[in-house]
């Protein structure tokens, strides 16, 4: 599997919610994808952006992806992405 992160941002998810990374990435096999990647291992949700644009969020109907299939490759790529950008978990609230 060959993944490339195109964009990533940390979201606080409200005051008490579990924060997560919103990641747009390219999968060489499946095209442009989006992942919600939480800090806790095993918590990763993935959708194909092309299907989201068609309002397809249905399980088992063209936009179901195993997060665990992508998570192990996305986590180190996310660290590299933020290291190259010189930021991590920084947003408009931290300025």
Protein backbone atom coordinates (compact mmCIF):
# COMPACT_ATOMS: atom_id res chain seq x y z
CA UNK A 1 0.00 0.00 0.00
CA UNK A 2 1.33 3.43 -0.94
CA UNK A 3 -0.19 6.37 0.97
CA UNK A 4 0.68 10.06 0.76
CA UNK A 5 -0.74 12.62 3.18
CA UNK A 6 -2.00 15.72 1.38
CA UNK A 7 -3.37 17.66 4.35
CA UNK A 8 -3.88 17.12 8.07
CA UNK A 9 -5.30 19.07 10.99
CA UNK A 10 -5.99 18.33 14.65
CA UNK A 11 -9.57 18.92 15.82
CA UNK A 12 -10.38 19.41 19.49
CA UNK A 13 -13.90 18.01 19.08
CA UNK A 14 -15.46 20.43 21.52
CA UNK A 15 -14.55 21.01 25.14
CA UNK A 16 -14.83 17.48 26.49
CA UNK A 17 -14.77 15.37 23.34
CA UNK A 18 -11.95 13.14 22.20
CA UNK A 19 -9.73 15.10 19.82
CA UNK A 20 -8.73 13.60 16.48
CA UNK A 21 -6.69 14.23 13.37
CA UNK A 22 -8.55 14.89 10.16
CA UNK A 23 -6.32 13.58 7.38
CA UNK A 24 -6.71 13.83 3.62
CA UNK A 25 -4.48 11.34 1.88
CA UNK A 26 -3.97 9.70 -1.46
CA UNK A 27 -4.07 5.93 -1.67
CA UNK A 28 -2.35 4.74 -4.83
CA UNK A 29 -4.98 2.00 -5.23
CA UNK A 30 -8.18 3.84 -4.26
CA UNK A 31 -7.59 7.56 -4.84
CA UNK A 32 -8.20 10.45 -2.48
CA UNK A 33 -9.37 9.40 0.98
CA UNK A 34 -10.19 10.98 4.35
CA UNK A 35 -9.34 9.54 7.77
CA UNK A 36 -10.42 10.53 11.25
CA UNK A 37 -7.50 9.30 13.32
CA UNK A 38 -7.82 9.36 17.11
CA UNK A 39 -4.89 9.15 19.55
CA UNK A 40 -5.91 5.77 20.89
CA UNK A 41 -4.61 2.89 18.78
CA UNK A 42 -7.33 1.12 16.85
CA UNK A 43 -9.49 4.22 16.42
CA UNK A 44 -9.39 5.18 12.76
CA UNK A 45 -12.30 5.81 10.36
CA UNK A 46 -11.72 6.09 6.60
CA UNK A 47 -13.92 7.29 3.73
CA UNK A 48 -13.30 7.82 0.04
CA UNK A 49 -13.75 11.51 -0.75
CA UNK A 50 -15.28 10.84 -4.17
CA UNK A 51 -18.05 8.83 -2.51
CA UNK A 52 -18.61 11.49 0.18
CA UNK A 53 -19.09 14.03 -2.62
CA UNK A 54 -21.95 11.80 -3.87
CA UNK A 55 -23.44 11.80 -0.33
CA UNK A 56 -22.54 8.13 0.00
CA UNK A 57 -21.86 7.31 3.65
CA UNK A 58 -23.48 3.87 3.50
CA UNK A 59 -21.80 0.89 5.07
CA UNK A 60 -21.01 -1.87 2.55
CA UNK A 61 -22.19 0.23 -0.41
CA UNK A 62 -19.01 1.65 -1.87
CA UNK A 63 -17.72 3.71 1.04
CA UNK A 64 -16.79 1.20 3.71
CA UNK A 65 -13.11 0.95 4.51
CA UNK A 66 -11.28 -0.91 7.23
CA UNK A 67 -9.58 1.74 9.32
CA UNK A 68 -7.15 -0.83 10.71
CA UNK A 69 -5.92 -1.46 7.17
CA UNK A 70 -4.80 2.18 6.88
CA UNK A 71 -3.96 3.09 10.48
CA UNK A 72 -0.56 1.41 10.79
CA UNK A 73 0.75 3.28 7.75
CA UNK A 74 -1.01 6.58 8.44
CA UNK A 75 0.31 7.11 11.99
CA UNK A 76 4.03 7.32 11.08
CA UNK A 77 3.22 9.34 7.95
CA UNK A 78 1.23 11.79 10.09
CA UNK A 79 4.23 12.26 12.40
CA UNK A 80 6.48 12.90 9.39
CA UNK A 81 3.93 15.31 7.93
CA UNK A 82 3.80 17.42 11.09
CA UNK A 83 7.57 17.30 11.56
CA UNK A 84 8.06 18.67 8.03
CA UNK A 85 5.47 21.41 8.66
CA UNK A 86 6.98 22.30 12.03
CA UNK A 87 3.65 22.05 13.86
CA UNK A 88 1.47 19.60 15.75
CA UNK A 89 -1.86 20.22 17.49
CA UNK A 90 -1.55 23.92 16.91
CA UNK A 91 -4.47 25.93 15.63
CA UNK A 92 -6.15 29.32 15.84
CA UNK A 93 -6.90 28.82 19.55
CA UNK A 94 -3.21 28.58 20.45
CA UNK A 95 -2.12 31.87 18.90
